[in-house]
C-alpha atoms as a PDB file:
ATOM      1  CA  MET A   1       1.758 -16.657  15.514  1.00  0.00           C
ATOM      2  CA  THR A   2       2.344 -15.132  12.092  1.00  0.00           C
ATOM      3  CA  PHE A   3       1.964 -16.823   8.700  1.00  0.00           C
ATOM      4  CA  THR A   4       3.388 -15.539   5.418  1.00  0.00           C
ATOM      5  CA  TYR A   5       1.771 -16.210   2.057  1.00  0.00           C
ATOM      6  CA  LYS A   6       3.075 -16.226  -1.509  1.00  0.00           C
ATOM      7  CA  ASN A   7      -0.070 -16.880  -3.523  1.00  0.00           C
ATOM      8  CA  VAL A   8      -3.181 -15.654  -1.715  1.00  0.00           C
ATOM      9  CA  TYR A   9      -5.305 -12.854  -3.138  1.00  0.00           C
ATOM     10  CA  ILE A  10      -8.670 -11.185  -2.664  1.00  0.00           C
ATOM     11  CA  ASN A  11      -9.904 -10.902  -6.254  1.00  0.00           C
ATOM     12  CA  GLU A  12     -13.348  -9.404  -5.593  1.00  0.00           C
ATOM     13  CA  THR A  13     -15.646  -8.319  -2.792  1.00  0.00           C
ATOM     14  CA  GLY A  14     -19.325  -7.623  -2.149  1.00  0.00           C
ATOM     15  CA  THR A  15     -20.723  -5.156   0.396  1.00  0.00           C
ATOM     16  CA  VAL A  16     -24.321  -4.516   1.472  1.00  0.00           C
ATOM     17  CA  VAL A  17     -25.399  -2.082   4.207  1.00  0.00           C
ATOM     18  CA  GLY A  18     -28.450  -0.795   6.043  1.00  0.00           C
ATOM     19  CA  PRO A  19     -29.992   2.680   6.491  1.00  0.00           C
ATOM     20  CA  TYR A  20     -27.533   4.179   8.984  1.00  0.00           C
ATOM     21  CA  GLU A  21     -24.547   3.176   6.871  1.00  0.00           C
ATOM     22  CA  LYS A  22     -26.310   4.534   3.802  1.00  0.00           C
ATOM     23  CA  LYS A  23     -26.436   7.940   5.494  1.00  0.00           C
ATOM     24  CA  GLY A  24     -22.764   7.699   6.463  1.00  0.00           C
ATOM     25  CA  PRO A  25     -19.735   9.163   4.676  1.00  0.00           C
ATOM     26  CA  LEU A  26     -18.762   5.948   2.831  1.00  0.00           C
ATOM     27  CA  ASN A  27     -22.071   5.079   1.167  1.00  0.00           C
ATOM     28  CA  ASN A  28     -20.798   5.741  -2.373  1.00  0.00           C
ATOM     29  CA  TYR A  29     -18.248   2.945  -1.941  1.00  0.00           C
ATOM     30  CA  PHE A  30     -20.689   0.183  -0.935  1.00  0.00           C
ATOM     31  CA  ASP A  31     -22.152  -2.087  -3.593  1.00  0.00           C
ATOM     32  CA  ARG A  32     -25.701  -1.884  -2.263  1.00  0.00           C
ATOM     33  CA  SER A  33     -27.499   0.006   0.499  1.00  0.00           C
ATOM     34  CA  HIS A  34     -30.992  -0.348   1.955  1.00  0.00           C
ATOM     35  CA  ASP A  35     -33.436   2.144   3.452  1.00  0.00           C
ATOM     36  CA  GLU A  36     -34.894  -0.140   6.136  1.00  0.00           C
ATOM     37  CA  PHE A  37     -33.919  -2.999   8.447  1.00  0.00           C
ATOM     38  CA  TYR A  38     -36.017  -5.983   7.269  1.00  0.00           C
ATOM     39  CA  PHE A  39     -34.876  -6.331   3.632  1.00  0.00           C
ATOM     40  CA  GLY A  40     -38.077  -8.101   2.642  1.00  0.00           C
ATOM     41  CA  THR A  41     -38.042 -10.563   5.563  1.00  0.00           C
ATOM     42  CA  LYS A  42     -40.155 -10.879   8.725  1.00  0.00           C
ATOM     43  CA  THR A  43     -37.459 -10.701  11.424  1.00  0.00           C
ATOM     44  CA  TRP A  44     -34.114  -9.019  12.009  1.00  0.00           C
ATOM     45  CA  GLU A  45     -32.316 -12.356  12.207  1.00  0.00           C
ATOM     46  CA  GLN A  46     -33.725 -13.406   8.845  1.00  0.00           C
ATOM     47  CA  ALA A  47     -32.781  -9.995   7.501  1.00  0.00           C
ATOM     48  CA  GLU A  48     -29.148 -10.558   8.460  1.00  0.00           C
ATOM     49  CA  SER A  49     -29.095 -13.850   6.568  1.00  0.00           C
ATOM     50  CA  LYS A  50     -30.550 -12.023   3.577  1.00  0.00           C
ATOM     51  CA  LEU A  51     -27.701  -9.497   3.768  1.00  0.00           C
ATOM     52  CA  ILE A  52     -25.140 -12.313   3.532  1.00  0.00           C
ATOM     53  CA  GLU A  53     -26.932 -13.877   0.569  1.00  0.00           C
ATOM     54  CA  GLU A  54     -27.012 -10.514  -1.231  1.00  0.00           C
ATOM     55  CA  ALA A  55     -23.307  -9.873  -0.621  1.00  0.00           C
ATOM     56  CA  VAL A  56     -22.462 -13.355  -1.924  1.00  0.00           C
ATOM     57  CA  ASP A  57     -24.568 -12.804  -5.052  1.00  0.00           C
ATOM     58  CA  ILE A  58     -22.892  -9.451  -5.712  1.00  0.00           C
ATOM     59  CA  THR A  59     -19.436 -10.998  -5.382  1.00  0.00           C
ATOM     60  CA  LEU A  60     -20.248 -13.931  -7.662  1.00  0.00           C
ATOM     61  CA  ASN A  61     -21.811 -11.630 -10.268  1.00  0.00           C
ATOM     62  CA  LYS A  62     -18.662  -9.501 -10.340  1.00  0.00           C
ATOM     63  CA  LEU A  63     -16.610 -12.645 -10.876  1.00  0.00           C
ATOM     64  CA  GLY A  64     -18.900 -14.164 -13.477  1.00  0.00           C
ATOM     65  CA  LYS A  65     -19.088 -17.297 -11.325  1.00  0.00           C
ATOM     66  CA  ASN A  66     -21.808 -19.245  -9.558  1.00  0.00           C
ATOM     67  CA  ARG A  67     -21.884 -21.077  -6.238  1.00  0.00           C
ATOM     68  CA  PHE A  68     -20.829 -24.355  -7.886  1.00  0.00           C
ATOM     69  CA  ASP A  69     -17.446 -22.756  -8.638  1.00  0.00           C
ATOM     70  CA  ILE A  70     -16.758 -22.193  -4.931  1.00  0.00           C
ATOM     71  CA  ASP A  71     -14.929 -24.794  -2.821  1.00  0.00           C
ATOM     72  CA  LEU A  72     -15.567 -23.344   0.630  1.00  0.00           C
ATOM     73  CA  PHE A  73     -17.775 -20.778   2.358  1.00  0.00           C
ATOM     74  CA  ILE A  74     -16.548 -19.279   5.657  1.00  0.00           C
ATOM     75  CA  SER A  75     -18.834 -16.944   7.581  1.00  0.00           C
ATOM     76  CA  GLY A  76     -19.239 -15.385  11.016  1.00  0.00           C
ATOM     77  CA  ASP A  77     -21.765 -13.204  12.810  1.00  0.00           C
ATOM     78  CA  LEU A  78     -22.781 -12.197  16.347  1.00  0.00           C
ATOM     79  CA  LEU A  79     -25.955 -14.179  16.828  1.00  0.00           C
ATOM     80  CA  ASN A  80     -26.327 -17.274  18.989  1.00  0.00           C
ATOM     81  CA  GLN A  81     -25.184 -20.429  17.168  1.00  0.00           C
ATOM     82  CA  LEU A  82     -24.202 -18.268  14.162  1.00  0.00           C
ATOM     83  CA  VAL A  83     -27.761 -18.482  12.891  1.00  0.00           C
ATOM     84  CA  ALA A  84     -27.403 -15.689  10.325  1.00  0.00           C
ATOM     85  CA  SER A  85     -24.467 -17.460   8.677  1.00  0.00           C
ATOM     86  CA  ASN A  86     -25.997 -20.907   9.083  1.00  0.00           C
ATOM     87  CA  TYR A  87     -29.249 -20.055   7.338  1.00  0.00           C
ATOM     88  CA  ALA A  88     -27.413 -18.249   4.542  1.00  0.00           C
ATOM     89  CA  ALA A  89     -25.149 -21.286   4.135  1.00  0.00           C
ATOM     90  CA  SER A  90     -28.198 -23.552   3.886  1.00  0.00           C
ATOM     91  CA  THR A  91     -29.267 -21.727   0.721  1.00  0.00           C
ATOM     92  CA  LEU A  92     -25.797 -21.792  -0.863  1.00  0.00           C
ATOM     93  CA  ASN A  93     -25.123 -25.526  -0.591  1.00  0.00           C
ATOM     94  CA  ILE A  94     -21.351 -24.940  -0.413  1.00  0.00           C
ATOM     95  CA  PRO A  95     -19.054 -26.694   2.112  1.00  0.00           C
ATOM     96  CA  TYR A  96     -19.184 -24.364   5.092  1.00  0.00           C
ATOM     97  CA  LEU A  97     -17.170 -23.341   8.133  1.00  0.00           C
ATOM     98  CA  GLY A  98     -18.842 -21.091  10.710  1.00  0.00           C
ATOM     99  CA  VAL A  99     -16.418 -18.952  12.714  1.00  0.00           C
ATOM    100  CA  TYR A 100     -16.829 -16.865  15.840  1.00  0.00           C
ATOM    101  CA  ASN A 101     -14.381 -14.377  17.271  1.00  0.00           C
ATOM    102  CA  ALA A 102     -17.011 -11.667  17.730  1.00  0.00           C
ATOM    103  CA  CYS A 103     -16.032  -8.575  15.718  1.00  0.00           C
ATOM    104  CA  ALA A 104     -12.695 -10.182  14.788  1.00  0.00           C
ATOM    105  CA  SER A 105     -14.484 -12.933  12.842  1.00  0.00           C
ATOM    106  CA  SER A 106     -13.854 -11.421   9.400  1.00  0.00           C
ATOM    107  CA  VAL A 107     -10.064 -11.628   9.715  1.00  0.00           C
ATOM    108  CA  GLU A 108     -10.292 -15.027  11.392  1.00  0.00           C
ATOM    109  CA  GLY A 109     -12.066 -16.205   8.244  1.00  0.00           C
ATOM    110  CA  LEU A 110      -9.415 -14.661   6.003  1.00  0.00           C
ATOM    111  CA  LEU A 111      -6.658 -16.399   7.975  1.00  0.00           C
ATOM    112  CA  LEU A 112      -8.341 -19.794   7.635  1.00  0.00           C
ATOM    113  CA  ALA A 113      -8.919 -19.288   3.924  1.00  0.00           C
ATOM    114  CA  ALA A 114      -5.385 -18.012   3.295  1.00  0.00           C
ATOM    115  CA  ASN A 115      -3.771 -20.980   5.017  1.00  0.00           C
ATOM    116  CA  MET A 116      -5.835 -23.509   3.079  1.00  0.00           C
ATOM    117  CA  ILE A 117      -5.241 -21.760  -0.238  1.00  0.00           C
ATOM    118  CA  GLU A 118      -1.498 -21.464   0.398  1.00  0.00           C
ATOM    119  CA  ALA A 119      -1.417 -25.181   1.217  1.00  0.00           C
ATOM    120  CA  GLY A 120      -3.258 -26.036  -1.993  1.00  0.00           C
ATOM    121  CA  GLN A 121      -6.207 -27.538  -0.114  1.00  0.00           C
ATOM    122  CA  VAL A 122      -8.725 -24.978  -1.412  1.00  0.00           C
ATOM    123  CA  LYS A 123      -8.728 -22.920  -4.609  1.00  0.00           C
ATOM    124  CA  HIS A 124     -11.868 -20.785  -4.420  1.00  0.00           C
ATOM    125  CA  CYS A 125     -13.216 -19.487  -1.089  1.00  0.00           C
ATOM    126  CA  LEU A 126     -15.853 -16.970  -0.050  1.00  0.00           C
ATOM    127  CA  CYS A 127     -15.269 -15.306   3.345  1.00  0.00           C
ATOM    128  CA  ALA A 128     -18.241 -13.473   4.856  1.00  0.00           C
ATOM    129  CA  ALA A 129     -19.015 -11.495   7.992  1.00  0.00           C
ATOM    130  CA  SER A 130     -22.279  -9.855   9.000  1.00  0.00           C
ATOM    131  CA  SER A 131     -24.079  -7.996  11.756  1.00  0.00           C
ATOM    132  CA  HIS A 132     -27.465  -6.363  12.277  1.00  0.00           C
ATOM    133  CA  ASN A 133     -28.014  -3.533  14.730  1.00  0.00           C
ATOM    134  CA  ASN A 134     -31.446  -4.530  15.957  1.00  0.00           C
ATOM    135  CA  ALA A 135     -30.688  -8.250  16.162  1.00  0.00           C
ATOM    136  CA  ALA A 136     -27.506  -7.586  18.135  1.00  0.00           C
ATOM    137  CA  GLU A 137     -29.253  -5.131  20.464  1.00  0.00           C
ATOM    138  CA  LYS A 138     -31.937  -7.698  21.221  1.00  0.00           C
ATOM    139  CA  GLN A 139     -29.378 -10.372  22.019  1.00  0.00           C
ATOM    140  CA  PHE A 140     -26.675  -8.460  23.885  1.00  0.00           C
ATOM    141  CA  ARG A 141     -28.458  -5.488  25.442  1.00  0.00           C
ATOM    142  CA  TYR A 142     -32.183  -4.621  25.309  1.00  0.00           C
ATOM    143  CA  PRO A 143     -34.725  -4.745  22.480  1.00  0.00           C
ATOM    144  CA  VAL A 144     -34.722  -1.435  20.621  1.00  0.00           C
ATOM    145  CA  GLU A 145     -38.345  -0.828  21.677  1.00  0.00           C
ATOM    146  CA  TYR A 146     -37.105  -0.496  25.254  1.00  0.00           C
ATOM    147  CA  GLY A 147     -35.330   2.742  24.376  1.00  0.00           C
ATOM    148  CA  GLY A 148     -32.901   2.619  27.300  1.00  0.00           C
ATOM    149  CA  PRO A 149     -30.265   5.372  27.507  1.00  0.00           C
ATOM    150  CA  LYS A 150     -26.614   4.486  26.903  1.00  0.00           C
ATOM    151  CA  PRO A 151     -23.310   6.177  27.704  1.00  0.00           C
ATOM    152  CA  LYS A 152     -21.315   7.889  24.967  1.00  0.00           C
ATOM    153  CA  THR A 153     -18.682   5.144  25.122  1.00  0.00           C
ATOM    154  CA  THR A 154     -21.174   2.684  23.613  1.00  0.00           C
ATOM    155  CA  THR A 155     -20.688   1.451  20.067  1.00  0.00           C
ATOM    156  CA  PHE A 156     -23.503   1.193  17.513  1.00  0.00           C
ATOM    157  CA  THR A 157     -23.662  -2.189  15.787  1.00  0.00           C
ATOM    158  CA  THR A 158     -23.276  -1.952  12.030  1.00  0.00           C
ATOM    159  CA  THR A 159     -25.987  -3.393   9.808  1.00  0.00           C
ATOM    160  CA  GLY A 160     -24.434  -5.048   6.802  1.00  0.00           C
ATOM    161  CA  ALA A 161     -22.580  -7.955   5.254  1.00  0.00           C
ATOM    162  CA  ALA A 162     -19.229  -8.117   3.513  1.00  0.00           C
ATOM    163  CA  VAL A 163     -17.857 -10.950   1.379  1.00  0.00           C
ATOM    164  CA  ALA A 164     -14.367 -11.512  -0.039  1.00  0.00           C
ATOM    165  CA  TYR A 165     -13.454 -13.982  -2.770  1.00  0.00           C
ATOM    166  CA  VAL A 166     -10.087 -15.426  -1.717  1.00  0.00           C
ATOM    167  CA  THR A 167      -8.072 -17.446  -4.212  1.00  0.00           C
ATOM    168  CA  TYR A 168      -4.637 -18.082  -5.717  1.00  0.00           C
ATOM    169  CA  ASN A 169      -5.265 -15.948  -8.838  1.00  0.00           C
ATOM    170  CA  LYS A 170      -2.873 -12.979  -8.895  1.00  0.00           C
ATOM    171  CA  LYS A 171      -5.386 -10.150  -9.054  1.00  0.00           C
ATOM    172  CA  GLY A 172      -6.789  -7.511  -6.722  1.00  0.00           C
ATOM    173  CA  ILE A 173      -5.341  -7.286  -3.209  1.00  0.00           C
ATOM    174  CA  ARG A 174      -2.705  -9.678  -1.915  1.00  0.00           C
ATOM    175  CA  ILE A 175      -2.885 -11.169   1.581  1.00  0.00           C
ATOM    176  CA  GLU A 176       0.845 -11.063   2.299  1.00  0.00           C
ATOM    177  CA  SER A 177       0.813 -12.322   5.891  1.00  0.00           C
ATOM    178  CA  GLY A 178      -1.457 -12.805   8.869  1.00  0.00           C
ATOM    179  CA  THR A 179      -1.093 -12.854  12.636  1.00  0.00           C
ATOM    180  CA  VAL A 180      -3.281 -14.886  14.985  1.00  0.00           C
ATOM    181  CA  GLY A 181      -3.863 -12.965  18.198  1.00  0.00           C
ATOM    182  CA  LYS A 182      -4.046 -14.029  21.816  1.00  0.00           C
ATOM    183  CA  VAL A 183      -6.940 -13.540  24.218  1.00  0.00           C
ATOM    184  CA  VAL A 184      -6.232 -10.501  26.402  1.00  0.00           C
ATOM    185  CA  ASP A 185      -8.207  -9.670  29.555  1.00  0.00           C
ATOM    186  CA  MET A 186      -7.417  -6.361  31.224  1.00  0.00           C
ATOM    187  CA  GLY A 187     -10.163  -6.674  33.839  1.00  0.00           C
ATOM    188  CA  VAL A 188     -12.717  -4.336  32.229  1.00  0.00           C
ATOM    189  CA  LYS A 189     -16.259  -5.366  33.174  1.00  0.00           C
ATOM    190  CA  ASP A 190     -18.293  -2.599  31.554  1.00  0.00           C
ATOM    191  CA  ALA A 191     -20.119  -3.916  28.469  1.00  0.00           C
ATOM    192  CA  TYR A 192     -20.523  -0.318  27.299  1.00  0.00           C
ATOM    193  CA  GLN A 193     -16.747   0.168  27.104  1.00  0.00           C
ATOM    194  CA  MET A 194     -15.862  -2.111  24.198  1.00  0.00           C
ATOM    195  CA  GLY A 195     -13.086   0.180  23.014  1.00  0.00           C
ATOM    196  CA  ALA A 196     -11.326  -0.130  26.355  1.00  0.00           C
ATOM    197  CA  VAL A 197     -11.884  -3.890  26.355  1.00  0.00           C
ATOM    198  CA  MET A 198     -10.381  -4.478  22.897  1.00  0.00           C
ATOM    199  CA  ALA A 199      -7.611  -1.864  22.546  1.00  0.00           C
ATOM    200  CA  PRO A 200      -4.989  -3.873  24.522  1.00  0.00           C
ATOM    201  CA  ALA A 201      -5.668  -6.954  22.376  1.00  0.00           C
ATOM    202  CA  ALA A 202      -5.172  -4.871  19.233  1.00  0.00           C
ATOM    203  CA  ALA A 203      -1.915  -3.502  20.631  1.00  0.00           C
ATOM    204  CA  ASP A 204      -0.646  -6.976  21.491  1.00  0.00           C
ATOM    205  CA  THR A 205      -1.358  -8.287  17.988  1.00  0.00           C
ATOM    206  CA  ILE A 206       0.180  -5.272  16.241  1.00  0.00           C
ATOM    207  CA  PHE A 207       3.338  -5.580  18.334  1.00  0.00           C
ATOM    208  CA  LYS A 208       3.539  -9.334  17.755  1.00  0.00           C
ATOM    209  CA  HIS A 209       3.056  -8.888  14.008  1.00  0.00           C
ATOM    210  CA  LEU A 210       5.864  -6.338  13.800  1.00  0.00           C
ATOM    211  CA  GLN A 211       8.087  -8.565  15.927  1.00  0.00           C
ATOM    212  CA  ASP A 212       7.440 -11.687  13.835  1.00  0.00           C
ATOM    213  CA  THR A 213       7.905  -9.909  10.502  1.00  0.00           C
ATOM    214  CA  LYS A 214      10.864  -7.801  11.738  1.00  0.00           C
ATOM    215  CA  ARG A 215       9.170  -4.642  10.486  1.00  0.00           C
ATOM    216  CA  GLU A 216       8.803  -1.100  11.743  1.00  0.00           C
ATOM    217  CA  ILE A 217       5.353   0.433  11.984  1.00  0.00           C
ATOM    218  CA  ASP A 218       6.166   2.786   9.080  1.00  0.00           C
ATOM    219  CA  TYR A 219       6.292  -0.217   6.729  1.00  0.00           C
ATOM    220  CA  TYR A 220       2.519   0.242   6.486  1.00  0.00           C
ATOM    221  CA  ASP A 221       0.836   3.189   4.807  1.00  0.00           C
ATOM    222  CA  LEU A 222      -2.080   2.607   7.160  1.00  0.00           C
ATOM    223  CA  VAL A 223      -2.772   0.592  10.291  1.00  0.00           C
ATOM    224  CA  LEU A 224      -6.521   0.004  10.402  1.00  0.00           C
ATOM    225  CA  THR A 225      -8.336  -1.389  13.443  1.00  0.00           C
ATOM    226  CA  GLY A 226     -11.953  -2.387  13.713  1.00  0.00           C
ATOM    227  CA  ASP A 227     -13.848  -1.721  15.732  1.00  0.00           C
ATOM    228  CA  LEU A 228     -12.589   0.320  18.652  1.00  0.00           C
ATOM    229  CA  GLY A 229     -14.650   3.456  18.077  1.00  0.00           C
ATOM    230  CA  SER A 230     -13.555   6.999  18.875  1.00  0.00           C
ATOM    231  CA  VAL A 231     -12.886   6.130  22.531  1.00  0.00           C
ATOM    232  CA  GLY A 232     -10.931   2.924  21.958  1.00  0.00           C
ATOM    233  CA  LYS A 233      -9.026   4.538  19.102  1.00  0.00           C
ATOM    234  CA  LYS A 234      -7.495   7.071  21.504  1.00  0.00           C
ATOM    235  CA  ILE A 235      -6.782   4.355  24.064  1.00  0.00           C
ATOM    236  CA  LEU A 236      -4.888   2.287  21.490  1.00  0.00           C
ATOM    237  CA  VAL A 237      -2.708   5.221  20.407  1.00  0.00           C
ATOM    238  CA  ASP A 238      -1.775   5.946  24.037  1.00  0.00           C
ATOM    239  CA  TYR A 239      -1.319   2.271  24.920  1.00  0.00           C
ATOM    240  CA  MET A 240       0.971   1.536  21.957  1.00  0.00           C
ATOM    241  CA  ASN A 241       3.153   4.503  22.800  1.00  0.00           C
ATOM    242  CA  THR A 242       3.288   3.819  26.544  1.00  0.00           C
ATOM    243  CA  GLU A 243       3.597   0.027  26.474  1.00  0.00           C
ATOM    244  CA  TYR A 244       5.671  -0.539  23.338  1.00  0.00           C
ATOM    245  CA  GLY A 245       7.137   2.832  22.419  1.00  0.00           C
ATOM    246  CA  ILE A 246       5.360   2.708  19.046  1.00  0.00           C
ATOM    247  CA  GLN A 247       3.701   5.804  17.612  1.00  0.00           C
ATOM    248  CA  LEU A 248       0.707   5.141  15.395  1.00  0.00           C
ATOM    249  CA  LYS A 249       1.133   7.999  12.938  1.00  0.00           C
ATOM    250  CA  HIS A 250      -0.799   6.543   9.997  1.00  0.00           C
ATOM    251  CA  TYR A 251      -3.731   5.004  11.791  1.00  0.00           C
ATOM    252  CA  ASP A 252      -7.519   4.897  11.699  1.00  0.00           C
ATOM    253  CA  ASP A 253     -10.380   2.770  12.989  1.00  0.00           C
ATOM    254  CA  THR A 254     -13.234   1.478  10.852  1.00  0.00           C
ATOM    255  CA  ALA A 255     -15.791   2.157  13.597  1.00  0.00           C
ATOM    256  CA  ALA A 256     -14.886   5.846  13.463  1.00  0.00           C
ATOM    257  CA  MET A 257     -15.072   5.890   9.653  1.00  0.00           C
ATOM    258  CA  ILE A 258     -18.309   4.142   8.712  1.00  0.00           C
ATOM    259  CA  PHE A 259     -20.578   6.722  10.378  1.00  0.00           C
ATOM    260  CA  ASP A 260     -20.606  10.518  10.681  1.00  0.00           C
ATOM    261  CA  LEU A 261     -19.871  10.716  14.400  1.00  0.00           C
ATOM    262  CA  GLU A 262     -20.842  14.375  14.636  1.00  0.00           C
ATOM    263  CA  ASN A 263     -24.199  14.207  12.882  1.00  0.00           C
ATOM    264  CA  GLN A 264     -25.421  10.628  13.397  1.00  0.00           C
ATOM    265  CA  GLU A 265     -26.560   9.320  16.780  1.00  0.00           C
ATOM    266  CA  VAL A 266     -24.121   6.407  16.907  1.00  0.00           C
ATOM    267  CA  TYR A 267     -22.296   7.127  20.181  1.00  0.00           C
ATOM    268  CA  SER A 268     -18.563   6.374  19.755  1.00  0.00           C
ATOM    269  CA  GLY A 269     -18.967   4.725  16.343  1.00  0.00           C
ATOM    270  CA  GLY A 270     -19.659   1.402  14.695  1.00  0.00           C
ATOM    271  CA  SER A 271     -19.179  -2.201  15.793  1.00  0.00           C
ATOM    272  CA  GLY A 272     -20.097  -5.719  14.726  1.00  0.00           C
ATOM    273  CA  PRO A 273     -18.282  -8.314  12.579  1.00  0.00           C
ATOM    274  CA  ALA A 274     -19.343  -6.467   9.420  1.00  0.00           C
ATOM    275  CA  CYS A 275     -17.818  -3.118  10.398  1.00  0.00           C
ATOM    276  CA  ALA A 276     -14.136  -3.783   9.607  1.00  0.00           C
ATOM    277  CA  PRO A 277     -14.664  -5.657   6.306  1.00  0.00           C
ATOM    278  CA  LEU A 278     -17.323  -3.226   5.064  1.00  0.00           C
ATOM    279  CA  VAL A 279     -14.921  -0.291   5.344  1.00  0.00           C
ATOM    280  CA  THR A 280     -11.922  -2.302   4.137  1.00  0.00           C
ATOM    281  CA  TYR A 281     -13.536  -3.994   1.125  1.00  0.00           C
ATOM    282  CA  SER A 282     -15.125  -0.739  -0.056  1.00  0.00           C
ATOM    283  CA  TYR A 283     -13.295   2.492   0.709  1.00  0.00           C
ATOM    284  CA  ILE A 284      -9.861   1.090   1.662  1.00  0.00           C
ATOM    285  CA  PHE A 285      -9.671  -1.247  -1.355  1.00  0.00           C
ATOM    286  CA  HIS A 286     -10.706   1.657  -3.564  1.00  0.00           C
ATOM    287  CA  GLN A 287      -7.788   3.661  -2.194  1.00  0.00           C
ATOM    288  CA  MET A 288      -5.435   0.725  -2.676  1.00  0.00           C
ATOM    289  CA  LYS A 289      -6.503   0.098  -6.244  1.00  0.00           C
ATOM    290  CA  LYS A 290      -5.780   3.752  -6.976  1.00  0.00           C
ATOM    291  CA  HIS A 291      -2.362   3.234  -5.339  1.00  0.00           C
ATOM    292  CA  LYS A 292      -3.070   5.883  -2.717  1.00  0.00           C
ATOM    293  CA  LEU A 293      -2.388   3.120  -0.210  1.00  0.00           C
ATOM    294  CA  LYS A 294      -0.088   0.202  -0.996  1.00  0.00           C
ATOM    295  CA  ARG A 295       0.321  -1.595   2.330  1.00  0.00           C
ATOM    296  CA  VAL A 296      -2.403  -1.825   4.954  1.00  0.00           C
ATOM    297  CA  LEU A 297      -2.353  -3.749   8.216  1.00  0.00           C
ATOM    298  CA  LEU A 298      -5.952  -4.657   9.027  1.00  0.00           C
ATOM    299  CA  VAL A 299      -6.464  -5.553  12.693  1.00  0.00           C
ATOM    300  CA  ALA A 300      -9.964  -6.797  13.530  1.00  0.00           C
ATOM    301  CA  THR A 301     -10.851  -6.774  17.221  1.00  0.00           C
ATOM    302  CA  GLY A 302     -13.460  -8.766  19.122  1.00  0.00           C
ATOM    303  CA  ALA A 303     -14.929  -8.662  22.624  1.00  0.00           C
ATOM    304  CA  LEU A 304     -15.482 -12.286  23.659  1.00  0.00           C
ATOM    305  CA  MET A 305     -18.470 -11.636  25.869  1.00  0.00           C
ATOM    306  CA  SER A 306     -21.949 -12.949  26.531  1.00  0.00           C
ATOM    307  CA  THR A 307     -24.815 -11.542  28.565  1.00  0.00           C
ATOM    308  CA  THR A 308     -24.503 -14.515  30.914  1.00  0.00           C
ATOM    309  CA  MET A 309     -20.890 -13.762  31.814  1.00  0.00           C
ATOM    310  CA  VAL A 310     -21.511 -10.009  32.032  1.00  0.00           C
ATOM    311  CA  ASN A 311     -24.380 -10.640  34.457  1.00  0.00           C
ATOM    312  CA  GLN A 312     -22.000 -12.777  36.519  1.00  0.00           C
ATOM    313  CA  LYS A 313     -19.827  -9.638  36.854  1.00  0.00           C
ATOM    314  CA  LEU A 314     -16.852 -11.256  35.115  1.00  0.00           C
ATOM    315  CA  SER A 315     -14.349  -9.182  33.153  1.00  0.00           C
ATOM    316  CA  ILE A 316     -14.544  -9.233  29.361  1.00  0.00           C
ATOM    317  CA  PRO A 317     -11.702 -10.872  27.382  1.00  0.00           C
ATOM    318  CA  ALA A 318     -10.819  -9.688  23.896  1.00  0.00           C
ATOM    319  CA  ILE A 319      -8.908 -10.828  20.850  1.00  0.00           C
ATOM    320  CA  ALA A 320      -7.471  -9.272  17.686  1.00  0.00           C
ATOM    321  CA  HIS A 321      -6.273 -10.858  14.443  1.00  0.00           C
ATOM    322  CA  ALA A 322      -4.313  -9.089  11.713  1.00  0.00           C
ATOM    323  CA  VAL A 323      -3.717  -9.463   7.980  1.00  0.00           C
ATOM    324  CA  SER A 324      -1.195  -7.571   5.895  1.00  0.00           C
ATOM    325  CA  LEU A 325      -2.840  -6.400   2.674  1.00  0.00           C
ATOM    326  CA  GLU A 326      -0.795  -5.254  -0.317  1.00  0.00           C
ATOM    327  CA  VAL A 327      -1.501  -3.922  -3.784  1.00  0.00           C
ATOM    328  CA  VAL A 328      -0.775  -6.435  -6.525  1.00  0.00           C
ATOM    329  CA  GLU A 329       1.984  -4.876  -8.669  1.00  0.00           C
END
């Protein structure tokens, strides 16, 4: 399902990251970076909420607005019951929608906001996504103190929060269209193979988007997925060519961009709901505003798993949503 929009724009963004991202190749493009994981709080979960609050404050300060100017706050994270987003929302006192599509949550939020703005139901919306490495490790794998070894196919959850101000004002980056993906399950059961789990879902959404919009892949200066990692990135390129006859010539993955894969111990790259929007709202938007990129197809991917279902030896389904981003001429 693909929607087209005439008057939906991302006017401003806010990005905040943790210590690993600070040491990565994109640090100069983030609005704020931290040297430790607690950010003045007592727990990692509270720290993730703090990241969201900081990213919201940065965005509002850029706009010269306050929270009373915002109609709707949409946010997603990885934690049970969306607690990071929920606690951040409790301090904002803005009407709130919590969303969960794992690491595809950021684009899910953009799709919801874009549809409501296009329909005239909402005028000013903040869309957030966050993740915290240690909080995610504790919930989905083992506490970091355990120090268990992992295969190289593992992804390293990004610590950070990214916020986009979505509105009808013609400024910044236009959301031209968006495609809602389908859940795809290829039978992969290995929770340390997220790239393999999500690549087919990304391929399905890319193909559907091109089909619905009647476009060729070269319409886009860049197809950007997040977050398949170095392993899933190769799988997607092969899968698109084999299954659909489409060659991804101008393609990258945010998980392979946010860290220095050769010099940082991050396995196959980043992950988490914050990974795709952190790279997009910082480095990619910088490139777009300089007109080095004019059309970008952002495809956020999510593994719809839980430890309960993994322990039951079930396969892991995945989903991907896409938005077409264009420079405002």
